[in-house]
């Protein structure tokens, strides 16, 4: 590495104005938002600077983490990116049948919000698309950020909106944030950024980002080490927008977990593969404990073994039996 002073990346220069905008949008105001922007990044094994990867070039995600709040241990319901996005938008586990339930986007639209989704790639079913108008799957020759900003330019900055963007990586995120700033849309906006999933068998992957920026308590650059789930994103969004639905979703609003360490351990479920296939597996997370059944049964304590290298079933048979019973019950009861 050269000892000379490195050049400042262009993306960081471009975000300098954004930082001032983020810092100046009010302090500890009530945690309601006028607009919401939900971003799901594609699978990225390069990591992010805000998650301790010094070689990563993720200025957009890093900036939001420094100004907002980041969650360090995030569980996903599936290793399939399309299913993760589907669960993200419906607020339900992607294997659950929830016919007749109003979707969050539909609830927002019926309350008077403008809604839109620009996604690459797509692969989500009708339940995830319901309520977004438009819901546009952008091909390889398209640009979801350009489409999203064009949609926003047609709107009154004060008119409430819900925008979902499925992006390839941090570069498009930077462009989206700059466009939101230019259009004066960041004021009273909740921005939630997460990822599309980990690898096979991860179900509770620690390499999935979750960063929130917006009204209190998502300010100040705090890090939350307690377990979070991508299924917590939609309840968080609905709570901030003051939009309710009758559905009993498995997630919990993150801004309502201010005393997380005193609460009962959250449970995260995951499933991969088809149930009739040899590679099918299910997993359950309770606190730092994770149990995997199918695809090689194993018990891990992620607090001491985040890489999931040491199977503790022989050392902790009671804990293994407890989690296996909880796992069977959870899936048997749907």
Protein backbone atom coordinates (compact mmCIF):
# COMPACT_ATOMS: atom_id res chain seq x y z
CA UNK A 1 0.00 0.00 0.00
CA UNK A 2 1.34 3.39 -0.93
CA UNK A 3 2.15 5.68 2.01
CA UNK A 4 0.89 8.68 0.06
CA UNK A 5 -2.51 10.06 0.90
CA UNK A 6 -5.18 8.17 -1.12
CA UNK A 7 -7.55 9.99 -3.39
CA UNK A 8 -11.03 10.46 -2.03
CA UNK A 9 -13.46 8.21 -3.94
CA UNK A 10 -15.84 10.14 -6.17
CA UNK A 11 -18.84 8.46 -4.52
CA UNK A 12 -17.81 9.79 -1.11
CA UNK A 13 -17.45 13.30 -2.51
CA UNK A 14 -20.88 13.00 -4.07
CA UNK A 15 -22.33 11.91 -0.74
CA UNK A 16 -20.87 14.80 1.22
CA UNK A 17 -24.00 16.88 0.61
CA UNK A 18 -26.13 13.90 1.51
CA UNK A 19 -24.42 13.66 4.91
CA UNK A 20 -25.34 17.24 5.70
CA UNK A 21 -28.90 16.60 4.62
CA UNK A 22 -29.12 13.49 6.78
CA UNK A 23 -27.66 15.25 9.79
CA UNK A 24 -29.97 18.23 9.45
CA UNK A 25 -33.33 16.52 9.16
CA UNK A 26 -34.31 16.94 12.78
CA UNK A 27 -33.31 15.32 16.02
CA UNK A 28 -35.23 13.15 18.43
CA UNK A 29 -38.60 13.76 16.82
CA UNK A 30 -41.49 11.33 17.05
CA UNK A 31 -40.68 8.22 15.08
CA UNK A 32 -43.16 8.67 12.29
CA UNK A 33 -42.23 9.16 8.67
CA UNK A 34 -43.84 10.91 5.72
CA UNK A 35 -42.26 8.69 3.05
CA UNK A 36 -40.58 5.29 2.99
CA UNK A 37 -37.89 3.85 0.73
CA UNK A 38 -37.15 0.14 1.01
CA UNK A 39 -34.05 -1.17 -0.79
CA UNK A 40 -33.09 -4.82 -1.18
CA UNK A 41 -29.54 -5.35 -2.41
CA UNK A 42 -28.59 -8.45 -4.37
CA UNK A 43 -26.37 -11.12 -2.79
CA UNK A 44 -22.86 -9.69 -2.31
CA UNK A 45 -20.04 -11.71 -0.82
CA UNK A 46 -17.75 -8.66 -0.72
CA UNK A 47 -19.27 -7.48 2.56
CA UNK A 48 -19.65 -3.85 3.60
CA UNK A 49 -17.41 -1.37 5.33
CA UNK A 50 -19.94 -0.77 8.09
CA UNK A 51 -19.86 -4.50 8.82
CA UNK A 52 -16.12 -4.62 9.38
CA UNK A 53 -14.84 -5.28 5.86
CA UNK A 54 -12.10 -2.66 5.36
CA UNK A 55 -11.57 -3.57 1.69
CA UNK A 56 -15.26 -3.17 0.81
CA UNK A 57 -16.32 -0.16 -1.23
CA UNK A 58 -19.82 0.53 0.05
CA UNK A 59 -20.06 4.31 0.63
CA UNK A 60 -23.87 4.40 0.38
CA UNK A 61 -24.53 1.72 2.98
CA UNK A 62 -21.70 2.97 5.19
CA UNK A 63 -23.02 6.53 5.17
CA UNK A 64 -26.51 5.42 6.18
CA UNK A 65 -25.06 3.26 8.95
CA UNK A 66 -22.98 6.13 10.33
CA UNK A 67 -25.98 8.46 10.37
CA UNK A 68 -28.66 5.90 11.22
CA UNK A 69 -28.68 2.45 12.83
CA UNK A 70 -27.21 -0.86 11.73
CA UNK A 71 -28.18 -4.35 12.84
CA UNK A 72 -25.31 -6.79 13.18
CA UNK A 73 -27.07 -10.16 13.36
CA UNK A 74 -29.79 -10.51 10.72
CA UNK A 75 -31.69 -13.71 9.91
CA UNK A 76 -33.30 -14.44 6.55
CA UNK A 77 -36.11 -16.96 5.93
CA UNK A 78 -34.50 -18.51 2.85
CA UNK A 79 -31.24 -18.60 0.87
CA UNK A 80 -33.27 -17.89 -2.29
CA UNK A 81 -33.07 -14.14 -3.09
CA UNK A 82 -36.51 -14.12 -4.76
CA UNK A 83 -38.11 -15.69 -1.67
CA UNK A 84 -36.32 -13.26 0.64
CA UNK A 85 -37.70 -10.32 -1.37
CA UNK A 86 -41.15 -11.90 -1.36
CA UNK A 87 -41.10 -12.25 2.43
CA UNK A 88 -39.74 -8.74 2.72
CA UNK A 89 -42.71 -7.22 0.87
CA UNK A 90 -45.48 -9.35 2.37
CA UNK A 91 -44.12 -9.52 5.91
CA UNK A 92 -44.76 -13.29 6.02
CA UNK A 93 -42.56 -16.33 5.70
CA UNK A 94 -42.41 -17.02 1.95
CA UNK A 95 -43.68 -20.60 2.40
CA UNK A 96 -46.84 -19.45 4.21
CA UNK A 97 -50.18 -19.41 2.39
CA UNK A 98 -51.79 -16.06 3.19
CA UNK A 99 -54.58 -15.69 0.65
CA UNK A 100 -56.95 -12.84 1.39
CA UNK A 101 -54.54 -10.90 3.64
CA UNK A 102 -54.08 -7.28 2.62
CA UNK A 103 -50.47 -6.56 1.68
CA UNK A 104 -48.57 -3.63 3.24
CA UNK A 105 -48.31 -1.92 -0.16
CA UNK A 106 -52.06 -2.33 -0.67
CA UNK A 107 -52.71 -0.88 2.80
CA UNK A 108 -50.53 2.13 1.98
CA UNK A 109 -52.22 2.67 -1.37
CA UNK A 110 -55.71 2.47 0.13
CA UNK A 111 -54.62 5.05 2.71
CA UNK A 112 -53.73 7.46 -0.10
CA UNK A 113 -50.02 6.78 -0.65
CA UNK A 114 -48.35 6.54 -4.01
CA UNK A 115 -46.56 3.20 -4.36
CA UNK A 116 -44.04 1.86 -6.84
CA UNK A 117 -41.49 -0.94 -7.14
CA UNK A 118 -38.57 -1.14 -9.55
CA UNK A 119 -36.78 -4.46 -9.27
CA UNK A 120 -33.90 -6.31 -10.86
CA UNK A 121 -34.19 -9.23 -10.88
CA UNK A 122 -37.86 -10.01 -10.16
CA UNK A 123 -39.16 -13.56 -9.59
CA UNK A 124 -41.79 -12.69 -6.96
CA UNK A 125 -45.38 -13.87 -6.94
CA UNK A 126 -48.58 -11.85 -7.14
CA UNK A 127 -48.84 -11.41 -3.36
CA UNK A 128 -45.58 -9.46 -3.24
CA UNK A 129 -46.59 -7.30 -6.20
CA UNK A 130 -50.07 -6.48 -4.91
CA UNK A 131 -50.53 -2.81 -4.10
CA UNK A 132 -47.58 -1.48 -6.11
CA UNK A 133 -48.56 0.62 -9.10
CA UNK A 134 -46.33 0.35 -10.98
CA UNK A 135 -44.42 -2.84 -10.19
CA UNK A 136 -41.75 -2.94 -12.86
CA UNK A 137 -39.23 -5.73 -13.41
CA UNK A 138 -36.23 -4.09 -15.05
CA UNK A 139 -34.21 -6.18 -17.48
CA UNK A 140 -30.45 -6.22 -17.97
CA UNK A 141 -30.66 -3.29 -20.38
CA UNK A 142 -32.72 -1.18 -17.96
CA UNK A 143 -31.93 0.92 -14.92
CA UNK A 144 -34.18 0.58 -11.82
CA UNK A 145 -32.65 3.71 -10.25
CA UNK A 146 -33.36 5.85 -13.30
CA UNK A 147 -36.92 4.54 -13.44
CA UNK A 148 -37.45 5.16 -9.72
CA UNK A 149 -36.15 8.72 -9.87
CA UNK A 150 -38.25 9.48 -12.94
CA UNK A 151 -41.30 8.25 -11.03
CA UNK A 152 -40.41 10.46 -8.06
CA UNK A 153 -39.84 13.52 -10.25
CA UNK A 154 -43.48 13.36 -11.30
CA UNK A 155 -44.65 13.65 -7.68
CA UNK A 156 -45.13 16.44 -5.20
CA UNK A 157 -42.23 16.13 -2.70
CA UNK A 158 -44.74 16.37 0.14
CA UNK A 159 -47.08 13.71 -1.24
CA UNK A 160 -46.53 10.49 0.77
CA UNK A 161 -45.03 7.57 -1.10
CA UNK A 162 -43.72 4.04 -0.61
CA UNK A 163 -40.89 3.05 -2.96
CA UNK A 164 -39.29 -0.37 -3.22
CA UNK A 165 -36.07 -0.82 -5.20
CA UNK A 166 -34.32 -4.09 -5.89
CA UNK A 167 -30.74 -3.13 -6.74
CA UNK A 168 -27.58 -4.96 -7.74
CA UNK A 169 -25.25 -3.33 -5.22
CA UNK A 170 -24.00 -0.24 -3.42
CA UNK A 171 -23.30 1.79 -6.57
CA UNK A 172 -26.98 2.00 -7.54
CA UNK A 173 -27.82 2.73 -3.88
CA UNK A 174 -25.52 5.77 -3.95
CA UNK A 175 -27.24 7.05 -7.09
CA UNK A 176 -30.68 6.52 -5.55
CA UNK A 177 -29.74 8.43 -2.39
CA UNK A 178 -28.31 11.33 -4.40
CA UNK A 179 -31.49 11.49 -6.47
CA UNK A 180 -33.67 11.49 -3.35
CA UNK A 181 -31.62 14.35 -1.96
CA UNK A 182 -31.83 16.41 -5.15
CA UNK A 183 -35.58 15.96 -5.24
CA UNK A 184 -35.97 17.06 -1.61
CA UNK A 185 -37.52 13.68 -0.79
CA UNK A 186 -35.28 12.75 2.15
CA UNK A 187 -37.03 14.99 4.63
CA UNK A 188 -39.06 12.79 6.96
CA UNK A 189 -38.22 9.69 4.95
CA UNK A 190 -37.54 6.28 6.44
CA UNK A 191 -34.83 4.49 4.44
CA UNK A 192 -34.43 0.76 5.06
CA UNK A 193 -31.70 -1.21 3.28
CA UNK A 194 -31.27 -4.96 3.56
CA UNK A 195 -29.98 -7.89 1.50
CA UNK A 196 -31.40 -10.69 -0.58
CA UNK A 197 -30.07 -13.66 1.36
CA UNK A 198 -27.07 -15.76 2.30
CA UNK A 199 -25.84 -19.09 0.99
CA UNK A 200 -27.36 -22.57 1.37
CA UNK A 201 -28.08 -23.50 4.95
CA UNK A 202 -27.36 -20.07 6.39
CA UNK A 203 -30.90 -19.16 7.59
CA UNK A 204 -29.67 -16.67 10.14
CA UNK A 205 -26.79 -15.45 8.05
CA UNK A 206 -24.68 -12.71 9.59
CA UNK A 207 -23.61 -11.44 6.16
CA UNK A 208 -27.03 -9.97 5.37
CA UNK A 209 -27.06 -6.22 6.01
CA UNK A 210 -29.87 -4.30 7.64
CA UNK A 211 -29.45 -0.55 7.97
CA UNK A 212 -32.15 1.97 8.89
CA UNK A 213 -32.08 5.73 8.59
CA UNK A 214 -34.97 8.00 9.40
CA UNK A 215 -36.81 9.59 12.32
CA UNK A 216 -35.91 8.67 15.89
CA UNK A 217 -34.70 6.12 16.97
CA UNK A 218 -32.86 5.46 13.70
CA UNK A 219 -30.29 8.19 14.22
CA UNK A 220 -26.80 8.57 15.58
CA UNK A 221 -24.90 5.67 14.06
CA UNK A 222 -25.84 3.08 16.66
CA UNK A 223 -25.20 -0.66 16.21
CA UNK A 224 -27.67 -3.24 17.43
CA UNK A 225 -26.15 -6.66 18.22
CA UNK A 226 -29.43 -8.39 19.12
CA UNK A 227 -31.08 -10.72 16.62
CA UNK A 228 -33.10 -9.07 13.85
CA UNK A 229 -34.88 -10.56 10.86
CA UNK A 230 -35.66 -9.40 7.37
CA UNK A 231 -39.28 -10.13 8.34
CA UNK A 232 -38.98 -7.28 10.88
CA UNK A 233 -38.57 -4.77 8.05
CA UNK A 234 -42.20 -4.53 6.96
CA UNK A 235 -43.63 -4.10 10.50
CA UNK A 236 -40.96 -1.41 11.03
CA UNK A 237 -42.04 0.39 7.88
CA UNK A 238 -45.76 0.16 8.66
CA UNK A 239 -45.20 1.40 12.22
CA UNK A 240 -43.19 4.40 11.02
CA UNK A 241 -45.83 5.26 8.40
CA UNK A 242 -48.67 4.82 10.88
CA UNK A 243 -50.36 2.42 8.47
CA UNK A 244 -51.96 -0.64 10.05
CA UNK A 245 -53.20 -3.95 8.69
CA UNK A 246 -55.18 -6.72 10.35
CA UNK A 247 -52.60 -9.36 9.51
CA UNK A 248 -50.68 -10.98 12.35
CA UNK A 249 -47.19 -10.99 10.86
CA UNK A 250 -44.29 -12.85 12.47
CA UNK A 251 -41.97 -9.82 12.46
CA UNK A 252 -41.74 -7.08 15.06
CA UNK A 253 -41.17 -3.37 14.51
CA UNK A 254 -37.52 -2.60 15.24
CA UNK A 255 -38.26 0.82 16.72
CA UNK A 256 -40.46 -0.87 19.32
CA UNK A 257 -37.54 -2.96 20.60
CA UNK A 258 -35.77 -0.26 22.57
CA UNK A 259 -35.32 -2.67 25.50
CA UNK A 260 -34.23 -5.60 23.39
CA UNK A 261 -31.89 -7.10 25.97
CA UNK A 262 -34.70 -7.44 28.51
CA UNK A 263 -37.13 -9.05 26.10
CA UNK A 264 -37.61 -12.74 25.42
CA UNK A 265 -35.35 -14.12 22.71
CA UNK A 266 -36.72 -13.70 19.21
CA UNK A 267 -37.24 -16.73 17.00
CA UNK A 268 -36.18 -16.85 13.36
CA UNK A 269 -37.18 -19.69 11.03
CA UNK A 270 -35.65 -20.56 7.68
CA UNK A 271 -36.15 -23.16 5.01
CA UNK A 272 -34.21 -24.15 1.90
CA UNK A 273 -34.84 -26.57 -0.94
CA UNK A 274 -38.08 -28.43 -1.66
CA UNK A 275 -39.45 -30.62 1.11
CA UNK A 276 -39.31 -33.75 -1.07
CA UNK A 277 -35.67 -33.23 -2.10
CA UNK A 278 -32.63 -34.71 -0.40
CA UNK A 279 -31.11 -31.26 0.07
CA UNK A 280 -34.14 -29.80 1.89
CA UNK A 281 -33.39 -28.26 5.28
CA UNK A 282 -35.02 -26.17 7.98
CA UNK A 283 -33.47 -24.10 10.73
CA UNK A 284 -34.48 -22.20 13.84
CA UNK A 285 -32.70 -19.36 15.62
CA UNK A 286 -33.41 -18.59 19.29
CA UNK A 287 -31.06 -15.95 20.59
CA UNK A 288 -27.56 -17.03 19.63
CA UNK A 289 -28.54 -20.69 19.26
CA UNK A 290 -29.20 -22.15 15.83
CA UNK A 291 -30.41 -25.66 15.02
CA UNK A 292 -30.43 -27.07 11.48
CA UNK A 293 -32.43 -30.16 10.49
CA UNK A 294 -32.26 -31.94 7.18
CA UNK A 295 -29.19 -31.00 5.09
CA UNK A 296 -27.05 -32.38 7.95
CA UNK A 297 -28.40 -31.83 11.47
CA UNK A 298 -26.33 -29.52 13.63
CA UNK A 299 -26.45 -27.22 16.65
CA UNK A 300 -24.42 -24.00 16.77
CA UNK A 301 -23.86 -21.23 19.28
CA UNK A 302 -23.33 -18.21 17.03
CA UNK A 303 -22.16 -16.07 19.94
CA UNK A 304 -18.94 -18.08 20.16
CA UNK A 305 -18.96 -19.70 16.71
CA UNK A 306 -20.34 -17.23 14.12
CA UNK A 307 -18.75 -19.28 11.31
CA UNK A 308 -20.84 -22.33 12.28
CA UNK A 309 -17.86 -24.68 12.36
CA UNK A 310 -18.52 -26.62 15.58
CA UNK A 311 -21.56 -28.88 15.96
CA UNK A 312 -22.58 -28.88 19.65
CA UNK A 313 -25.26 -31.59 19.57
CA UNK A 314 -23.14 -34.04 21.57
CA UNK A 315 -22.05 -31.43 24.09
CA UNK A 316 -25.51 -29.82 24.48
CA UNK A 317 -28.03 -32.65 23.92
CA UNK A 318 -30.79 -30.98 25.95
CA UNK A 319 -30.50 -27.74 24.00
CA UNK A 320 -30.48 -29.69 20.72
CA UNK A 321 -33.63 -31.61 21.71
CA UNK A 322 -35.34 -28.40 22.84
CA UNK A 323 -34.67 -26.60 19.57
CA UNK A 324 -35.55 -29.63 17.44
CA UNK A 325 -38.93 -29.84 19.19
CA UNK A 326 -39.48 -26.09 18.72
CA UNK A 327 -38.55 -26.38 15.06
CA UNK A 328 -40.95 -29.26 14.44
CA UNK A 329 -43.75 -27.43 16.25
CA UNK A 330 -43.20 -24.19 14.35
CA UNK A 331 -43.40 -25.81 10.92
CA UNK A 332 -46.18 -28.22 11.88
CA UNK A 333 -48.35 -25.31 13.02
CA UNK A 334 -47.50 -23.24 9.95
